């Protein structure tokens, strides 16, 4: 009988240990996402909204109190979807690797043709971590410390050239001018680089 209770005790200990490890692993899930991770998370939500939904753009949101994004990841994202040849929009907001909320905007703005959308998510061959490193090699790019803290990231399209563009956002060394570095999302090549006056 003692052996039975000993065996039962060992089994209970193993079960509790397994439960604790599962709880810890769920708590260890990353709260920061790369650009592509955020898009993929939002995409399933968009398909529930409309099976024909396609990606229009994505952007990280400056909601952190400290500098972040140095690893190419952010906690907060807005991802916008639509349906070609309509003016319906669907916005997905992400906080800490979870969909925080979404909103439908029917008949919002002008009708968008196919060129305003990413045809397929597989067309996005590059991601924010590797392109951030590339941007810092190409130009002196520094994290923001007051507004747009750290590094920020986005995705858009060039409808005239039908290209997917990934945007890496930082600052000049004095933190006076915001700098954008655009890359072709399909081949990782530099598309454009420019500065925008932020402070007078």
C-alpha atoms as a PDB file:
ATOM      1  CA  UNK A   1       0.000   0.000   0.000  1.00  0.00           C
ATOM      2  CA  UNK A   2       2.890   2.352   0.807  1.00  0.00           C
ATOM      3  CA  UNK A   3       4.310   1.764  -2.663  1.00  0.00           C
ATOM      4  CA  UNK A   4       0.949   2.726  -4.172  1.00  0.00           C
ATOM      5  CA  UNK A   5       0.845   6.045  -2.273  1.00  0.00           C
ATOM      6  CA  UNK A   6       4.475   6.727  -3.132  1.00  0.00           C
ATOM      7  CA  UNK A   7       3.758   6.123  -6.799  1.00  0.00           C
ATOM      8  CA  UNK A   8       0.643   8.331  -6.611  1.00  0.00           C
ATOM      9  CA  UNK A   9       2.698  11.088  -4.942  1.00  0.00           C
ATOM     10  CA  UNK A  10       5.348  10.922  -7.697  1.00  0.00           C
ATOM     11  CA  UNK A  11       2.689  11.107 -10.425  1.00  0.00           C
ATOM     12  CA  UNK A  12       1.056  14.138  -8.766  1.00  0.00           C
ATOM     13  CA  UNK A  13       4.443  15.861  -8.506  1.00  0.00           C
ATOM     14  CA  UNK A  14       5.132  15.212 -12.177  1.00  0.00           C
ATOM     15  CA  UNK A  15       1.700  16.554 -13.160  1.00  0.00           C
ATOM     16  CA  UNK A  16       2.167  19.716 -11.089  1.00  0.00           C
ATOM     17  CA  UNK A  17       5.627  20.208 -12.550  1.00  0.00           C
ATOM     18  CA  UNK A  18       4.212  19.822 -16.064  1.00  0.00           C
ATOM     19  CA  UNK A  19       1.437  22.341 -15.339  1.00  0.00           C
ATOM     20  CA  UNK A  20       3.928  24.832 -13.933  1.00  0.00           C
ATOM     21  CA  UNK A  21       6.212  24.514 -16.943  1.00  0.00           C
ATOM     22  CA  UNK A  22       3.274  25.037 -19.302  1.00  0.00           C
ATOM     23  CA  UNK A  23       2.202  28.121 -17.342  1.00  0.00           C
ATOM     24  CA  UNK A  24       5.733  29.497 -17.395  1.00  0.00           C
ATOM     25  CA  UNK A  25       6.116  28.840 -21.120  1.00  0.00           C
ATOM     26  CA  UNK A  26       2.917  30.753 -21.864  1.00  0.00           C
ATOM     27  CA  UNK A  27       4.158  33.629 -19.706  1.00  0.00           C
ATOM     28  CA  UNK A  28       7.498  33.549 -21.566  1.00  0.00           C
ATOM     29  CA  UNK A  29       5.870  34.233 -24.919  1.00  0.00           C
ATOM     30  CA  UNK A  30       7.499  37.328 -26.461  1.00  0.00           C
ATOM     31  CA  UNK A  31       5.566  40.554 -26.089  1.00  0.00           C
ATOM     32  CA  UNK A  32       7.558  42.182 -28.890  1.00  0.00           C
ATOM     33  CA  UNK A  33       6.921  41.229 -32.503  1.00  0.00           C
ATOM     34  CA  UNK A  34       8.793  41.797 -35.729  1.00  0.00           C
ATOM     35  CA  UNK A  35       6.970  43.466 -38.599  1.00  0.00           C
ATOM     36  CA  UNK A  36       6.206  40.148 -40.293  1.00  0.00           C
ATOM     37  CA  UNK A  37       5.085  38.488 -37.066  1.00  0.00           C
ATOM     38  CA  UNK A  38       2.633  41.316 -36.425  1.00  0.00           C
ATOM     39  CA  UNK A  39       1.272  41.117 -39.973  1.00  0.00           C
ATOM     40  CA  UNK A  40       0.808  37.356 -39.809  1.00  0.00           C
ATOM     41  CA  UNK A  41      -0.958  37.617 -36.453  1.00  0.00           C
ATOM     42  CA  UNK A  42      -3.354  40.248 -37.799  1.00  0.00           C
ATOM     43  CA  UNK A  43      -3.986  38.462 -41.101  1.00  0.00           C
ATOM     44  CA  UNK A  44      -6.072  35.646 -39.615  1.00  0.00           C
ATOM     45  CA  UNK A  45      -8.303  38.267 -37.983  1.00  0.00           C
ATOM     46  CA  UNK A  46      -8.669  40.070 -41.307  1.00  0.00           C
ATOM     47  CA  UNK A  47      -9.695  36.866 -43.080  1.00  0.00           C
ATOM     48  CA  UNK A  48     -12.466  36.386 -40.518  1.00  0.00           C
ATOM     49  CA  UNK A  49     -13.665  39.867 -41.520  1.00  0.00           C
ATOM     50  CA  UNK A  50     -13.499  39.153 -45.267  1.00  0.00           C
ATOM     51  CA  UNK A  51     -12.025  36.155 -47.077  1.00  0.00           C
ATOM     52  CA  UNK A  52     -10.788  38.513 -49.833  1.00  0.00           C
ATOM     53  CA  UNK A  53      -8.917  40.772 -47.410  1.00  0.00           C
ATOM     54  CA  UNK A  54      -5.443  41.882 -48.418  1.00  0.00           C
ATOM     55  CA  UNK A  55      -2.749  43.836 -46.628  1.00  0.00           C
ATOM     56  CA  UNK A  56      -2.514  47.588 -47.277  1.00  0.00           C
ATOM     57  CA  UNK A  57       0.006  48.769 -44.694  1.00  0.00           C
ATOM     58  CA  UNK A  58       1.478  48.196 -41.250  1.00  0.00           C
ATOM     59  CA  UNK A  59       3.163  50.451 -38.731  1.00  0.00           C
ATOM     60  CA  UNK A  60       4.571  50.205 -35.237  1.00  0.00           C
ATOM     61  CA  UNK A  61       3.105  52.585 -32.665  1.00  0.00           C
ATOM     62  CA  UNK A  62       5.121  54.768 -30.329  1.00  0.00           C
ATOM     63  CA  UNK A  63       3.435  53.788 -27.054  1.00  0.00           C
ATOM     64  CA  UNK A  64       6.481  52.721 -25.053  1.00  0.00           C
ATOM     65  CA  UNK A  65       7.870  54.966 -22.335  1.00  0.00           C
ATOM     66  CA  UNK A  66      11.431  53.819 -23.026  1.00  0.00           C
ATOM     67  CA  UNK A  67      13.487  53.397 -26.166  1.00  0.00           C
ATOM     68  CA  UNK A  68      12.709  50.126 -27.878  1.00  0.00           C
ATOM     69  CA  UNK A  69      12.931  48.559 -31.323  1.00  0.00           C
ATOM     70  CA  UNK A  70      16.697  48.025 -31.218  1.00  0.00           C
ATOM     71  CA  UNK A  71      16.115  44.350 -31.998  1.00  0.00           C
ATOM     72  CA  UNK A  72      13.705  45.118 -34.848  1.00  0.00           C
ATOM     73  CA  UNK A  73      10.642  44.373 -32.682  1.00  0.00           C
ATOM     74  CA  UNK A  74       7.891  46.487 -31.107  1.00  0.00           C
ATOM     75  CA  UNK A  75       5.035  45.872 -28.652  1.00  0.00           C
ATOM     76  CA  UNK A  76       2.362  47.947 -30.405  1.00  0.00           C
ATOM     77  CA  UNK A  77       1.245  47.717 -34.037  1.00  0.00           C
ATOM     78  CA  UNK A  78      -1.536  48.883 -36.360  1.00  0.00           C
ATOM     79  CA  UNK A  79      -2.161  46.718 -39.410  1.00  0.00           C
ATOM     80  CA  UNK A  80      -4.577  47.840 -42.154  1.00  0.00           C
ATOM     81  CA  UNK A  81      -6.377  45.539 -44.581  1.00  0.00           C
ATOM     82  CA  UNK A  82      -8.876  46.120 -47.338  1.00  0.00           C
ATOM     83  CA  UNK A  83     -10.599  44.455 -50.262  1.00  0.00           C
ATOM     84  CA  UNK A  84      -9.418  45.319 -53.795  1.00  0.00           C
ATOM     85  CA  UNK A  85     -11.791  47.424 -55.898  1.00  0.00           C
ATOM     86  CA  UNK A  86     -13.694  48.535 -52.785  1.00  0.00           C
ATOM     87  CA  UNK A  87     -13.165  51.282 -50.224  1.00  0.00           C
ATOM     88  CA  UNK A  88     -13.712  49.036 -47.194  1.00  0.00           C
ATOM     89  CA  UNK A  89     -10.982  49.021 -44.536  1.00  0.00           C
ATOM     90  CA  UNK A  90     -10.207  46.822 -41.547  1.00  0.00           C
ATOM     91  CA  UNK A  91      -7.764  47.961 -38.848  1.00  0.00           C
ATOM     92  CA  UNK A  92      -6.149  45.496 -36.433  1.00  0.00           C
ATOM     93  CA  UNK A  93      -4.451  46.839 -33.312  1.00  0.00           C
ATOM     94  CA  UNK A  94      -1.873  44.629 -31.565  1.00  0.00           C
ATOM     95  CA  UNK A  95      -0.571  44.932 -27.997  1.00  0.00           C
ATOM     96  CA  UNK A  96       2.016  42.542 -26.568  1.00  0.00           C
ATOM     97  CA  UNK A  97       1.687  39.874 -29.257  1.00  0.00           C
ATOM     98  CA  UNK A  98      -2.110  39.768 -28.949  1.00  0.00           C
ATOM     99  CA  UNK A  99      -4.890  41.351 -30.966  1.00  0.00           C
ATOM    100  CA  UNK A 100      -6.084  44.164 -28.743  1.00  0.00           C
ATOM    101  CA  UNK A 101      -8.989  45.302 -30.919  1.00  0.00           C
ATOM    102  CA  UNK A 102     -10.112  45.645 -34.513  1.00  0.00           C
ATOM    103  CA  UNK A 103     -12.396  48.026 -36.310  1.00  0.00           C
ATOM    104  CA  UNK A 104     -14.284  48.018 -39.597  1.00  0.00           C
ATOM    105  CA  UNK A 105     -14.411  51.135 -41.765  1.00  0.00           C
ATOM    106  CA  UNK A 106     -16.860  50.513 -44.636  1.00  0.00           C
ATOM    107  CA  UNK A 107     -16.789  52.963 -47.540  1.00  0.00           C
ATOM    108  CA  UNK A 108     -13.724  54.733 -46.173  1.00  0.00           C
ATOM    109  CA  UNK A 109     -11.859  56.895 -48.689  1.00  0.00           C
ATOM    110  CA  UNK A 110     -11.366  56.133 -52.341  1.00  0.00           C
ATOM    111  CA  UNK A 111     -11.638  52.774 -54.062  1.00  0.00           C
ATOM    112  CA  UNK A 112      -8.276  51.008 -54.046  1.00  0.00           C
ATOM    113  CA  UNK A 113      -7.104  48.922 -56.986  1.00  0.00           C
ATOM    114  CA  UNK A 114      -4.948  45.788 -56.715  1.00  0.00           C
ATOM    115  CA  UNK A 115      -1.702  47.815 -56.873  1.00  0.00           C
ATOM    116  CA  UNK A 116      -2.396  49.339 -53.456  1.00  0.00           C
ATOM    117  CA  UNK A 117      -2.301  45.922 -51.792  1.00  0.00           C
ATOM    118  CA  UNK A 118       0.343  43.341 -51.025  1.00  0.00           C
ATOM    119  CA  UNK A 119      -0.662  40.554 -53.409  1.00  0.00           C
ATOM    120  CA  UNK A 120       0.549  37.777 -51.127  1.00  0.00           C
ATOM    121  CA  UNK A 121       2.273  37.820 -47.746  1.00  0.00           C
ATOM    122  CA  UNK A 122       4.922  35.503 -49.209  1.00  0.00           C
ATOM    123  CA  UNK A 123       6.042  38.490 -51.305  1.00  0.00           C
ATOM    124  CA  UNK A 124       7.519  39.971 -48.103  1.00  0.00           C
ATOM    125  CA  UNK A 125      10.908  38.263 -48.107  1.00  0.00           C
ATOM    126  CA  UNK A 126      12.604  40.468 -45.507  1.00  0.00           C
ATOM    127  CA  UNK A 127      11.787  41.470 -41.959  1.00  0.00           C
ATOM    128  CA  UNK A 128      12.437  44.400 -39.628  1.00  0.00           C
ATOM    129  CA  UNK A 129      15.397  42.990 -37.605  1.00  0.00           C
ATOM    130  CA  UNK A 130      17.642  42.321 -40.594  1.00  0.00           C
ATOM    131  CA  UNK A 131      16.629  45.511 -42.405  1.00  0.00           C
ATOM    132  CA  UNK A 132      17.267  47.610 -39.285  1.00  0.00           C
ATOM    133  CA  UNK A 133      20.841  46.312 -39.222  1.00  0.00           C
ATOM    134  CA  UNK A 134      21.188  47.012 -42.929  1.00  0.00           C
ATOM    135  CA  UNK A 135      19.799  50.538 -42.496  1.00  0.00           C
ATOM    136  CA  UNK A 136      22.345  51.277 -39.756  1.00  0.00           C
ATOM    137  CA  UNK A 137      25.146  50.066 -42.031  1.00  0.00           C
ATOM    138  CA  UNK A 138      23.978  52.258 -44.924  1.00  0.00           C
ATOM    139  CA  UNK A 139      23.355  55.450 -42.952  1.00  0.00           C
ATOM    140  CA  UNK A 140      23.857  56.811 -39.470  1.00  0.00           C
ATOM    141  CA  UNK A 141      20.529  55.985 -37.888  1.00  0.00           C
ATOM    142  CA  UNK A 142      19.888  56.590 -34.194  1.00  0.00           C
ATOM    143  CA  UNK A 143      16.990  55.701 -31.879  1.00  0.00           C
ATOM    144  CA  UNK A 144      14.546  58.443 -30.929  1.00  0.00           C
ATOM    145  CA  UNK A 145      14.566  59.581 -27.316  1.00  0.00           C
ATOM    146  CA  UNK A 146      11.549  61.927 -26.988  1.00  0.00           C
ATOM    147  CA  UNK A 147       9.167  61.406 -29.879  1.00  0.00           C
ATOM    148  CA  UNK A 148       9.035  58.125 -31.852  1.00  0.00           C
ATOM    149  CA  UNK A 149      11.260  56.610 -29.188  1.00  0.00           C
ATOM    150  CA  UNK A 150      13.698  53.955 -30.270  1.00  0.00           C
ATOM    151  CA  UNK A 151      13.318  52.614 -33.803  1.00  0.00           C
ATOM    152  CA  UNK A 152      10.017  52.226 -35.608  1.00  0.00           C
ATOM    153  CA  UNK A 153       8.963  50.132 -38.587  1.00  0.00           C
ATOM    154  CA  UNK A 154       6.332  50.073 -41.280  1.00  0.00           C
ATOM    155  CA  UNK A 155       5.219  48.531 -44.530  1.00  0.00           C
ATOM    156  CA  UNK A 156       3.526  50.116 -47.511  1.00  0.00           C
ATOM    157  CA  UNK A 157       3.405  49.728 -51.275  1.00  0.00           C
ATOM    158  CA  UNK A 158       4.445  51.766 -54.275  1.00  0.00           C
ATOM    159  CA  UNK A 159       1.265  51.415 -56.372  1.00  0.00           C
ATOM    160  CA  UNK A 160       2.909  52.803 -59.519  1.00  0.00           C
ATOM    161  CA  UNK A 161       5.766  50.288 -59.457  1.00  0.00           C
ATOM    162  CA  UNK A 162       3.722  47.602 -57.683  1.00  0.00           C
ATOM    163  CA  UNK A 163       6.377  47.096 -54.997  1.00  0.00           C
ATOM    164  CA  UNK A 164       6.256  46.135 -51.330  1.00  0.00           C
ATOM    165  CA  UNK A 165       8.263  48.643 -49.272  1.00  0.00           C
ATOM    166  CA  UNK A 166       9.535  48.221 -45.716  1.00  0.00           C
ATOM    167  CA  UNK A 167      10.286  51.382 -43.767  1.00  0.00           C
ATOM    168  CA  UNK A 168      12.891  51.682 -41.008  1.00  0.00           C
ATOM    169  CA  UNK A 169      12.479  54.868 -38.969  1.00  0.00           C
ATOM    170  CA  UNK A 170      15.104  56.486 -36.761  1.00  0.00           C
ATOM    171  CA  UNK A 171      16.794  59.857 -36.226  1.00  0.00           C
ATOM    172  CA  UNK A 172      19.952  61.737 -37.044  1.00  0.00           C
ATOM    173  CA  UNK A 173      22.660  61.932 -34.379  1.00  0.00           C
ATOM    174  CA  UNK A 174      21.324  65.195 -32.883  1.00  0.00           C
ATOM    175  CA  UNK A 175      17.758  63.760 -32.747  1.00  0.00           C
ATOM    176  CA  UNK A 176      16.484  66.782 -34.672  1.00  0.00           C
ATOM    177  CA  UNK A 177      15.532  65.149 -37.964  1.00  0.00           C
ATOM    178  CA  UNK A 178      13.593  61.940 -38.332  1.00  0.00           C
ATOM    179  CA  UNK A 179      15.125  59.614 -40.919  1.00  0.00           C
ATOM    180  CA  UNK A 180      13.315  57.078 -43.077  1.00  0.00           C
ATOM    181  CA  UNK A 181      15.083  54.279 -44.893  1.00  0.00           C
ATOM    182  CA  UNK A 182      12.933  52.370 -47.376  1.00  0.00           C
ATOM    183  CA  UNK A 183      13.782  48.904 -48.635  1.00  0.00           C
ATOM    184  CA  UNK A 184      12.280  46.746 -51.343  1.00  0.00           C
ATOM    185  CA  UNK A 185      10.528  44.062 -49.286  1.00  0.00           C
ATOM    186  CA  UNK A 186      11.073  41.411 -51.957  1.00  0.00           C
ATOM    187  CA  UNK A 187      14.826  41.722 -52.559  1.00  0.00           C
ATOM    188  CA  UNK A 188      16.039  43.728 -49.539  1.00  0.00           C
ATOM    189  CA  UNK A 189      17.626  46.436 -51.686  1.00  0.00           C
ATOM    190  CA  UNK A 190      17.647  50.103 -50.676  1.00  0.00           C
ATOM    191  CA  UNK A 191      14.713  51.898 -52.269  1.00  0.00           C
ATOM    192  CA  UNK A 192      15.023  55.403 -50.820  1.00  0.00           C
ATOM    193  CA  UNK A 193      16.440  57.337 -47.895  1.00  0.00           C
ATOM    194  CA  UNK A 194      15.396  60.754 -46.707  1.00  0.00           C
ATOM    195  CA  UNK A 195      15.168  63.029 -43.697  1.00  0.00           C
ATOM    196  CA  UNK A 196      12.205  64.994 -42.442  1.00  0.00           C
ATOM    197  CA  UNK A 197      12.531  68.106 -40.281  1.00  0.00           C
ATOM    198  CA  UNK A 198      10.897  67.330 -36.961  1.00  0.00           C
ATOM    199  CA  UNK A 199      11.773  70.285 -34.760  1.00  0.00           C
ATOM    200  CA  UNK A 200      11.922  73.995 -35.700  1.00  0.00           C
END
